[in-house]
């Protein structure tokens, strides 16, 4: 009780709020932590986001030598559905550089990656991320995907390397689904037959991770594992309502 009151007092003094509910608090409030815990343990919470990507899937063999023009169904590892509290926390990191929820979101994603790679005994060489546009990074002063990737790498005790460069300046946020299907273009530094985990914040159509995967495979990656904090598979889009009641009726 005393610790909670002290955290709230610190929040009032410094004007900080919980990124999940905007309650005055020095970090994430107890209610939002409880919500995330429930989402993590819920059997209905998505574990993968299925999308069409170039390359290999997590349980596949070495497909580096295959034709990159062929499309396969890859499962992107995700920690959460894009529920209201998760959405608000991600947006707080993305637009306000509020990092108090990084440990919760990044920790959950690190656990998911560890669990799935342990099943296949896949040895990961390093973690990287799908960088935002240069314009967005200059505007915000940070790249939220990099922040997440570096935290996940520390949790998994793996190197984190900046190997991708975004060649297109059009961001995915705020675009329609049809516009999002246009794959962003990336280039990558040379990768010597290694297994790479590439991280993004939210996966909707999978276009960003698809572009990142293409660049990594072309540069010599043996296996690319895609991972994201949240999946919008049950929701209309990353810019619209995220309530379950508004889920697309057309999805099976």
C-alpha atoms as a PDB file:
ATOM      1  CA  UNK A   1       0.000   0.000   0.000  1.00  0.00           C
ATOM      2  CA  UNK A   2       2.786   2.419   0.976  1.00  0.00           C
ATOM      3  CA  UNK A   3       4.799   1.599  -2.162  1.00  0.00           C
ATOM      4  CA  UNK A   4       1.757   2.172  -4.364  1.00  0.00           C
ATOM      5  CA  UNK A   5       1.051   5.520  -2.688  1.00  0.00           C
ATOM      6  CA  UNK A   6       4.705   6.518  -3.118  1.00  0.00           C
ATOM      7  CA  UNK A   7       4.656   5.624  -6.831  1.00  0.00           C
ATOM      8  CA  UNK A   8       1.481   7.653  -7.292  1.00  0.00           C
ATOM      9  CA  UNK A   9       3.039  10.604  -5.477  1.00  0.00           C
ATOM     10  CA  UNK A  10       6.094  10.412  -7.745  1.00  0.00           C
ATOM     11  CA  UNK A  11       3.734  10.352 -10.722  1.00  0.00           C
ATOM     12  CA  UNK A  12       1.942  13.472  -9.517  1.00  0.00           C
ATOM     13  CA  UNK A  13       5.188  15.334  -8.853  1.00  0.00           C
ATOM     14  CA  UNK A  14       6.721  14.506 -12.234  1.00  0.00           C
ATOM     15  CA  UNK A  15       3.466  14.442 -14.200  1.00  0.00           C
ATOM     16  CA  UNK A  16       3.879  10.822 -15.312  1.00  0.00           C
ATOM     17  CA  UNK A  17       1.025   8.451 -16.068  1.00  0.00           C
ATOM     18  CA  UNK A  18       0.409   4.779 -16.710  1.00  0.00           C
ATOM     19  CA  UNK A  19       0.772   4.212 -20.487  1.00  0.00           C
ATOM     20  CA  UNK A  20      -2.120   1.753 -20.453  1.00  0.00           C
ATOM     21  CA  UNK A  21      -4.839   3.827 -18.779  1.00  0.00           C
ATOM     22  CA  UNK A  22      -3.247   7.280 -18.203  1.00  0.00           C
ATOM     23  CA  UNK A  23      -3.801   7.020 -14.463  1.00  0.00           C
ATOM     24  CA  UNK A  24      -1.325   9.178 -12.518  1.00  0.00           C
ATOM     25  CA  UNK A  25       1.473   6.779 -11.661  1.00  0.00           C
ATOM     26  CA  UNK A  26       5.251   6.586 -12.008  1.00  0.00           C
ATOM     27  CA  UNK A  27       5.048   3.434 -14.141  1.00  0.00           C
ATOM     28  CA  UNK A  28       2.470   0.860 -15.260  1.00  0.00           C
ATOM     29  CA  UNK A  29      -0.414   0.630 -12.780  1.00  0.00           C
ATOM     30  CA  UNK A  30      -1.476  -2.581 -11.040  1.00  0.00           C
ATOM     31  CA  UNK A  31      -4.686  -2.875 -13.067  1.00  0.00           C
ATOM     32  CA  UNK A  32      -2.874  -2.732 -16.404  1.00  0.00           C
ATOM     33  CA  UNK A  33      -0.243  -5.203 -15.209  1.00  0.00           C
ATOM     34  CA  UNK A  34      -3.075  -7.560 -14.212  1.00  0.00           C
ATOM     35  CA  UNK A  35      -4.703  -7.152 -17.640  1.00  0.00           C
ATOM     36  CA  UNK A  36      -1.455  -8.018 -19.411  1.00  0.00           C
ATOM     37  CA  UNK A  37      -0.986 -11.033 -17.160  1.00  0.00           C
ATOM     38  CA  UNK A  38      -4.468 -12.269 -18.042  1.00  0.00           C
ATOM     39  CA  UNK A  39      -3.798 -11.785 -21.748  1.00  0.00           C
ATOM     40  CA  UNK A  40      -0.516 -13.687 -21.514  1.00  0.00           C
ATOM     41  CA  UNK A  41      -2.103 -16.714 -19.829  1.00  0.00           C
ATOM     42  CA  UNK A  42      -5.371 -16.699 -21.799  1.00  0.00           C
ATOM     43  CA  UNK A  43      -5.830 -19.665 -24.145  1.00  0.00           C
ATOM     44  CA  UNK A  44      -7.621 -17.343 -26.581  1.00  0.00           C
ATOM     45  CA  UNK A  45      -4.648 -14.994 -26.844  1.00  0.00           C
ATOM     46  CA  UNK A  46      -2.965 -15.388 -30.276  1.00  0.00           C
ATOM     47  CA  UNK A  47       0.425 -17.085 -30.342  1.00  0.00           C
ATOM     48  CA  UNK A  48       1.055 -16.627 -34.056  1.00  0.00           C
ATOM     49  CA  UNK A  49      -0.057 -14.331 -36.850  1.00  0.00           C
ATOM     50  CA  UNK A  50      -0.256 -16.266 -40.112  1.00  0.00           C
ATOM     51  CA  UNK A  51       0.698 -14.254 -43.157  1.00  0.00           C
ATOM     52  CA  UNK A  52       2.284 -14.762 -46.554  1.00  0.00           C
ATOM     53  CA  UNK A  53       5.993 -14.074 -46.366  1.00  0.00           C
ATOM     54  CA  UNK A  54       8.959 -14.900 -48.552  1.00  0.00           C
ATOM     55  CA  UNK A  55      11.395 -17.375 -47.035  1.00  0.00           C
ATOM     56  CA  UNK A  56      11.175 -20.081 -44.406  1.00  0.00           C
ATOM     57  CA  UNK A  57       8.827 -20.676 -41.547  1.00  0.00           C
ATOM     58  CA  UNK A  58       9.976 -21.330 -38.015  1.00  0.00           C
ATOM     59  CA  UNK A  59       9.694 -25.098 -38.327  1.00  0.00           C
ATOM     60  CA  UNK A  60      11.094 -25.241 -41.866  1.00  0.00           C
ATOM     61  CA  UNK A  61      14.460 -26.361 -43.150  1.00  0.00           C
ATOM     62  CA  UNK A  62      17.132 -24.201 -44.750  1.00  0.00           C
ATOM     63  CA  UNK A  63      15.337 -22.389 -47.570  1.00  0.00           C
ATOM     64  CA  UNK A  64      18.036 -19.844 -48.317  1.00  0.00           C
ATOM     65  CA  UNK A  65      18.676 -21.446 -51.687  1.00  0.00           C
ATOM     66  CA  UNK A  66      15.006 -21.479 -52.708  1.00  0.00           C
ATOM     67  CA  UNK A  67      13.459 -19.030 -55.158  1.00  0.00           C
ATOM     68  CA  UNK A  68      12.556 -15.889 -53.220  1.00  0.00           C
ATOM     69  CA  UNK A  69       9.697 -15.159 -55.609  1.00  0.00           C
ATOM     70  CA  UNK A  70       7.761 -18.119 -54.208  1.00  0.00           C
ATOM     71  CA  UNK A  71       5.461 -17.222 -51.332  1.00  0.00           C
ATOM     72  CA  UNK A  72       4.944 -19.399 -48.288  1.00  0.00           C
ATOM     73  CA  UNK A  73       2.650 -19.103 -45.308  1.00  0.00           C
ATOM     74  CA  UNK A  74       4.782 -18.058 -42.358  1.00  0.00           C
ATOM     75  CA  UNK A  75       3.722 -17.806 -38.750  1.00  0.00           C
ATOM     76  CA  UNK A  76       4.878 -14.624 -37.063  1.00  0.00           C
ATOM     77  CA  UNK A  77       5.461 -15.157 -33.339  1.00  0.00           C
ATOM     78  CA  UNK A  78       3.330 -12.728 -31.312  1.00  0.00           C
ATOM     79  CA  UNK A  79       2.890 -12.100 -27.599  1.00  0.00           C
ATOM     80  CA  UNK A  80      -0.532 -10.400 -27.560  1.00  0.00           C
ATOM     81  CA  UNK A  81      -3.620  -9.536 -29.538  1.00  0.00           C
ATOM     82  CA  UNK A  82      -3.884  -5.798 -30.221  1.00  0.00           C
ATOM     83  CA  UNK A  83      -6.263  -5.200 -27.307  1.00  0.00           C
ATOM     84  CA  UNK A  84      -6.940  -1.752 -25.920  1.00  0.00           C
ATOM     85  CA  UNK A  85      -4.340  -1.826 -23.134  1.00  0.00           C
ATOM     86  CA  UNK A  86      -1.624  -3.275 -25.393  1.00  0.00           C
ATOM     87  CA  UNK A  87      -2.446  -0.746 -28.109  1.00  0.00           C
ATOM     88  CA  UNK A  88      -2.141   2.184 -25.694  1.00  0.00           C
ATOM     89  CA  UNK A  89       1.179   0.937 -24.335  1.00  0.00           C
ATOM     90  CA  UNK A  90       2.650   0.497 -27.807  1.00  0.00           C
ATOM     91  CA  UNK A  91       1.452   3.942 -28.899  1.00  0.00           C
ATOM     92  CA  UNK A  92       2.965   5.464 -25.741  1.00  0.00           C
ATOM     93  CA  UNK A  93       6.350   3.995 -26.677  1.00  0.00           C
ATOM     94  CA  UNK A  94       5.951   4.893 -30.335  1.00  0.00           C
ATOM     95  CA  UNK A  95       4.773   8.489 -30.116  1.00  0.00           C
ATOM     96  CA  UNK A  96       5.659   9.682 -26.602  1.00  0.00           C
ATOM     97  CA  UNK A  97       8.801   7.642 -25.895  1.00  0.00           C
ATOM     98  CA  UNK A  98       7.258   6.386 -22.632  1.00  0.00           C
ATOM     99  CA  UNK A  99       9.231   3.234 -21.855  1.00  0.00           C
ATOM    100  CA  UNK A 100       7.698   2.080 -18.580  1.00  0.00           C
ATOM    101  CA  UNK A 101       5.889  -0.778 -20.355  1.00  0.00           C
ATOM    102  CA  UNK A 102       8.931  -2.015 -22.307  1.00  0.00           C
ATOM    103  CA  UNK A 103       9.774  -4.645 -19.685  1.00  0.00           C
ATOM    104  CA  UNK A 104       6.224  -6.056 -19.771  1.00  0.00           C
ATOM    105  CA  UNK A 105       5.769  -6.075 -23.549  1.00  0.00           C
ATOM    106  CA  UNK A 106       9.356  -6.978 -24.436  1.00  0.00           C
ATOM    107  CA  UNK A 107       9.558  -9.582 -21.675  1.00  0.00           C
ATOM    108  CA  UNK A 108       6.422 -11.335 -22.937  1.00  0.00           C
ATOM    109  CA  UNK A 109       7.755 -11.377 -26.497  1.00  0.00           C
ATOM    110  CA  UNK A 110      11.141 -12.692 -25.353  1.00  0.00           C
ATOM    111  CA  UNK A 111       9.378 -15.546 -23.551  1.00  0.00           C
ATOM    112  CA  UNK A 112       7.403 -16.406 -26.683  1.00  0.00           C
ATOM    113  CA  UNK A 113      10.536 -16.446 -28.846  1.00  0.00           C
ATOM    114  CA  UNK A 114      12.374 -18.579 -26.289  1.00  0.00           C
ATOM    115  CA  UNK A 115       9.511 -21.093 -26.072  1.00  0.00           C
ATOM    116  CA  UNK A 116       9.171 -21.518 -29.843  1.00  0.00           C
ATOM    117  CA  UNK A 117      12.891 -21.756 -30.616  1.00  0.00           C
ATOM    118  CA  UNK A 118      13.372 -24.202 -27.727  1.00  0.00           C
ATOM    119  CA  UNK A 119      10.759 -26.523 -29.255  1.00  0.00           C
ATOM    120  CA  UNK A 120      12.792 -26.835 -32.439  1.00  0.00           C
ATOM    121  CA  UNK A 121      16.191 -26.443 -30.719  1.00  0.00           C
ATOM    122  CA  UNK A 122      16.861 -23.594 -33.109  1.00  0.00           C
ATOM    123  CA  UNK A 123      19.993 -21.624 -32.281  1.00  0.00           C
ATOM    124  CA  UNK A 124      19.482 -17.906 -32.923  1.00  0.00           C
ATOM    125  CA  UNK A 125      22.561 -15.923 -33.974  1.00  0.00           C
ATOM    126  CA  UNK A 126      21.261 -12.426 -33.249  1.00  0.00           C
ATOM    127  CA  UNK A 127      18.233 -10.149 -32.943  1.00  0.00           C
ATOM    128  CA  UNK A 128      17.468  -7.271 -35.298  1.00  0.00           C
ATOM    129  CA  UNK A 129      14.482  -5.060 -36.088  1.00  0.00           C
ATOM    130  CA  UNK A 130      12.505  -3.641 -39.003  1.00  0.00           C
ATOM    131  CA  UNK A 131      13.501   0.047 -38.813  1.00  0.00           C
ATOM    132  CA  UNK A 132      10.993   2.856 -39.174  1.00  0.00           C
ATOM    133  CA  UNK A 133      11.429   5.549 -41.821  1.00  0.00           C
ATOM    134  CA  UNK A 134      14.224   8.097 -41.430  1.00  0.00           C
ATOM    135  CA  UNK A 135      11.632  10.884 -41.280  1.00  0.00           C
ATOM    136  CA  UNK A 136       9.709   9.230 -38.431  1.00  0.00           C
ATOM    137  CA  UNK A 137      12.889   8.548 -36.457  1.00  0.00           C
ATOM    138  CA  UNK A 138      13.942  12.193 -36.759  1.00  0.00           C
ATOM    139  CA  UNK A 139      10.480  13.394 -35.728  1.00  0.00           C
ATOM    140  CA  UNK A 140      10.274  11.130 -32.675  1.00  0.00           C
ATOM    141  CA  UNK A 141      13.930  11.021 -31.714  1.00  0.00           C
ATOM    142  CA  UNK A 142      13.891   7.236 -31.451  1.00  0.00           C
ATOM    143  CA  UNK A 143      12.927   4.019 -33.234  1.00  0.00           C
ATOM    144  CA  UNK A 144      10.454   2.075 -31.083  1.00  0.00           C
ATOM    145  CA  UNK A 145      11.203  -1.210 -32.890  1.00  0.00           C
ATOM    146  CA  UNK A 146      14.890  -0.821 -32.016  1.00  0.00           C
ATOM    147  CA  UNK A 147      14.027  -0.188 -28.355  1.00  0.00           C
ATOM    148  CA  UNK A 148      11.935  -3.364 -28.253  1.00  0.00           C
ATOM    149  CA  UNK A 149      14.542  -5.424 -30.102  1.00  0.00           C
ATOM    150  CA  UNK A 150      17.371  -4.370 -27.800  1.00  0.00           C
ATOM    151  CA  UNK A 151      15.318  -5.237 -24.721  1.00  0.00           C
ATOM    152  CA  UNK A 152      14.357  -8.646 -26.139  1.00  0.00           C
ATOM    153  CA  UNK A 153      18.002  -9.332 -27.017  1.00  0.00           C
ATOM    154  CA  UNK A 154      19.093  -8.564 -23.446  1.00  0.00           C
ATOM    155  CA  UNK A 155      16.377 -10.843 -22.074  1.00  0.00           C
ATOM    156  CA  UNK A 156      17.480 -13.701 -24.347  1.00  0.00           C
ATOM    157  CA  UNK A 157      21.192 -12.934 -23.796  1.00  0.00           C
ATOM    158  CA  UNK A 158      21.734 -12.549 -27.532  1.00  0.00           C
ATOM    159  CA  UNK A 159      23.524  -9.914 -29.621  1.00  0.00           C
ATOM    160  CA  UNK A 160      21.377  -7.164 -31.139  1.00  0.00           C
ATOM    161  CA  UNK A 161      22.605  -5.930 -34.511  1.00  0.00           C
ATOM    162  CA  UNK A 162      21.474  -3.104 -36.769  1.00  0.00           C
ATOM    163  CA  UNK A 163      21.639  -4.736 -40.199  1.00  0.00           C
ATOM    164  CA  UNK A 164      18.534  -3.454 -42.010  1.00  0.00           C
ATOM    165  CA  UNK A 165      18.090  -0.107 -43.749  1.00  0.00           C
ATOM    166  CA  UNK A 166      14.684   1.065 -44.927  1.00  0.00           C
ATOM    167  CA  UNK A 167      14.732   2.203 -48.554  1.00  0.00           C
ATOM    168  CA  UNK A 168      11.150   3.495 -48.768  1.00  0.00           C
ATOM    169  CA  UNK A 169       9.946   6.477 -46.743  1.00  0.00           C
ATOM    170  CA  UNK A 170       6.223   5.648 -46.696  1.00  0.00           C
ATOM    171  CA  UNK A 171       5.212   4.531 -43.154  1.00  0.00           C
ATOM    172  CA  UNK A 172       2.563   1.844 -42.622  1.00  0.00           C
ATOM    173  CA  UNK A 173       0.700   3.642 -39.820  1.00  0.00           C
ATOM    174  CA  UNK A 174      -2.544   5.270 -40.921  1.00  0.00           C
ATOM    175  CA  UNK A 175      -2.724   3.511 -44.294  1.00  0.00           C
ATOM    176  CA  UNK A 176      -5.621   1.381 -45.516  1.00  0.00           C
ATOM    177  CA  UNK A 177      -5.280  -2.402 -45.686  1.00  0.00           C
ATOM    178  CA  UNK A 178      -4.848  -2.225 -49.474  1.00  0.00           C
ATOM    179  CA  UNK A 179      -2.090   0.371 -49.125  1.00  0.00           C
ATOM    180  CA  UNK A 180      -0.423  -1.658 -46.364  1.00  0.00           C
ATOM    181  CA  UNK A 181      -0.105  -4.646 -48.711  1.00  0.00           C
ATOM    182  CA  UNK A 182       2.562  -2.711 -50.620  1.00  0.00           C
ATOM    183  CA  UNK A 183       5.759  -4.223 -49.259  1.00  0.00           C
ATOM    184  CA  UNK A 184       8.277  -1.715 -47.819  1.00  0.00           C
ATOM    185  CA  UNK A 185      11.736  -2.150 -49.301  1.00  0.00           C
ATOM    186  CA  UNK A 186      14.795  -2.828 -47.152  1.00  0.00           C
ATOM    187  CA  UNK A 187      18.463  -3.551 -47.725  1.00  0.00           C
ATOM    188  CA  UNK A 188      20.626  -5.585 -45.367  1.00  0.00           C
ATOM    189  CA  UNK A 189      24.262  -5.958 -44.480  1.00  0.00           C
ATOM    190  CA  UNK A 190      25.830  -9.279 -45.412  1.00  0.00           C
ATOM    191  CA  UNK A 191      24.785 -12.152 -43.134  1.00  0.00           C
ATOM    192  CA  UNK A 192      26.887 -15.299 -43.179  1.00  0.00           C
ATOM    193  CA  UNK A 193      24.412 -18.197 -43.106  1.00  0.00           C
ATOM    194  CA  UNK A 194      22.972 -17.219 -39.721  1.00  0.00           C
ATOM    195  CA  UNK A 195      19.586 -17.522 -38.015  1.00  0.00           C
ATOM    196  CA  UNK A 196      18.074 -14.075 -37.402  1.00  0.00           C
ATOM    197  CA  UNK A 197      15.048 -12.953 -35.387  1.00  0.00           C
ATOM    198  CA  UNK A 198      13.556  -9.747 -36.838  1.00  0.00           C
ATOM    199  CA  UNK A 199      11.227  -7.777 -34.574  1.00  0.00           C
ATOM    200  CA  UNK A 200       8.418  -5.298 -35.177  1.00  0.00           C
ATOM    201  CA  UNK A 201       5.873  -3.772 -32.814  1.00  0.00           C
ATOM    202  CA  UNK A 202       2.578  -4.743 -34.499  1.00  0.00           C
ATOM    203  CA  UNK A 203       1.818  -7.096 -37.385  1.00  0.00           C
ATOM    204  CA  UNK A 204      -1.299  -6.360 -39.461  1.00  0.00           C
ATOM    205  CA  UNK A 205      -0.810  -7.504 -43.058  1.00  0.00           C
ATOM    206  CA  UNK A 206       2.770  -8.669 -42.504  1.00  0.00           C
ATOM    207  CA  UNK A 207       4.103  -6.405 -45.266  1.00  0.00           C
ATOM    208  CA  UNK A 208       6.867  -4.810 -43.168  1.00  0.00           C
ATOM    209  CA  UNK A 209       8.183  -8.153 -41.919  1.00  0.00           C
ATOM    210  CA  UNK A 210       7.891  -9.547 -45.432  1.00  0.00           C
ATOM    211  CA  UNK A 211      10.124  -6.783 -46.791  1.00  0.00           C
ATOM    212  CA  UNK A 212      12.593  -7.220 -43.949  1.00  0.00           C
ATOM    213  CA  UNK A 213      12.697 -11.004 -44.451  1.00  0.00           C
ATOM    214  CA  UNK A 214      13.326 -10.651 -48.180  1.00  0.00           C
ATOM    215  CA  UNK A 215      16.307  -8.376 -47.552  1.00  0.00           C
ATOM    216  CA  UNK A 216      17.766 -10.674 -44.875  1.00  0.00           C
ATOM    217  CA  UNK A 217      17.488 -13.785 -47.055  1.00  0.00           C
ATOM    218  CA  UNK A 218      19.011 -11.994 -50.035  1.00  0.00           C
ATOM    219  CA  UNK A 219      21.938 -10.993 -47.832  1.00  0.00           C
ATOM    220  CA  UNK A 220      22.695 -14.555 -46.780  1.00  0.00           C
ATOM    221  CA  UNK A 221      20.500 -15.412 -43.788  1.00  0.00           C
ATOM    222  CA  UNK A 222      19.998 -19.127 -43.258  1.00  0.00           C
ATOM    223  CA  UNK A 223      16.694 -18.679 -41.419  1.00  0.00           C
ATOM    224  CA  UNK A 224      14.612 -15.597 -40.587  1.00  0.00           C
ATOM    225  CA  UNK A 225      12.200 -15.797 -37.652  1.00  0.00           C
ATOM    226  CA  UNK A 226       9.642 -12.983 -37.530  1.00  0.00           C
ATOM    227  CA  UNK A 227       8.241 -11.745 -34.215  1.00  0.00           C
ATOM    228  CA  UNK A 228       5.974  -8.899 -33.095  1.00  0.00           C
ATOM    229  CA  UNK A 229       4.604  -7.702 -29.775  1.00  0.00           C
ATOM    230  CA  UNK A 230       1.002  -7.774 -31.014  1.00  0.00           C
ATOM    231  CA  UNK A 231      -1.211  -9.037 -33.834  1.00  0.00           C
ATOM    232  CA  UNK A 232      -4.247  -7.197 -35.208  1.00  0.00           C
ATOM    233  CA  UNK A 233      -5.627 -10.387 -36.760  1.00  0.00           C
ATOM    234  CA  UNK A 234      -8.927 -10.084 -34.844  1.00  0.00           C
ATOM    235  CA  UNK A 235      -9.263  -6.328 -35.155  1.00  0.00           C
ATOM    236  CA  UNK A 236     -10.209  -3.943 -37.942  1.00  0.00           C
ATOM    237  CA  UNK A 237      -6.831  -2.228 -38.203  1.00  0.00           C
ATOM    238  CA  UNK A 238      -4.110  -0.709 -36.092  1.00  0.00           C
ATOM    239  CA  UNK A 239      -5.707   2.729 -36.407  1.00  0.00           C
ATOM    240  CA  UNK A 240      -9.333   1.809 -35.689  1.00  0.00           C
ATOM    241  CA  UNK A 241     -11.210   0.382 -32.697  1.00  0.00           C
ATOM    242  CA  UNK A 242      -9.521  -2.610 -31.102  1.00  0.00           C
ATOM    243  CA  UNK A 243     -12.478  -3.858 -29.075  1.00  0.00           C
ATOM    244  CA  UNK A 244     -13.432  -7.505 -29.580  1.00  0.00           C
ATOM    245  CA  UNK A 245     -17.009  -6.419 -30.294  1.00  0.00           C
ATOM    246  CA  UNK A 246     -15.721  -4.631 -33.404  1.00  0.00           C
ATOM    247  CA  UNK A 247     -13.876  -7.668 -34.772  1.00  0.00           C
ATOM    248  CA  UNK A 248     -14.350  -8.216 -38.485  1.00  0.00           C
ATOM    249  CA  UNK A 249     -17.385 -10.430 -39.025  1.00  0.00           C
ATOM    250  CA  UNK A 250     -15.994 -11.741 -42.293  1.00  0.00           C
ATOM    251  CA  UNK A 251     -13.062 -13.532 -40.700  1.00  0.00           C
ATOM    252  CA  UNK A 252     -13.651 -17.258 -40.063  1.00  0.00           C
END
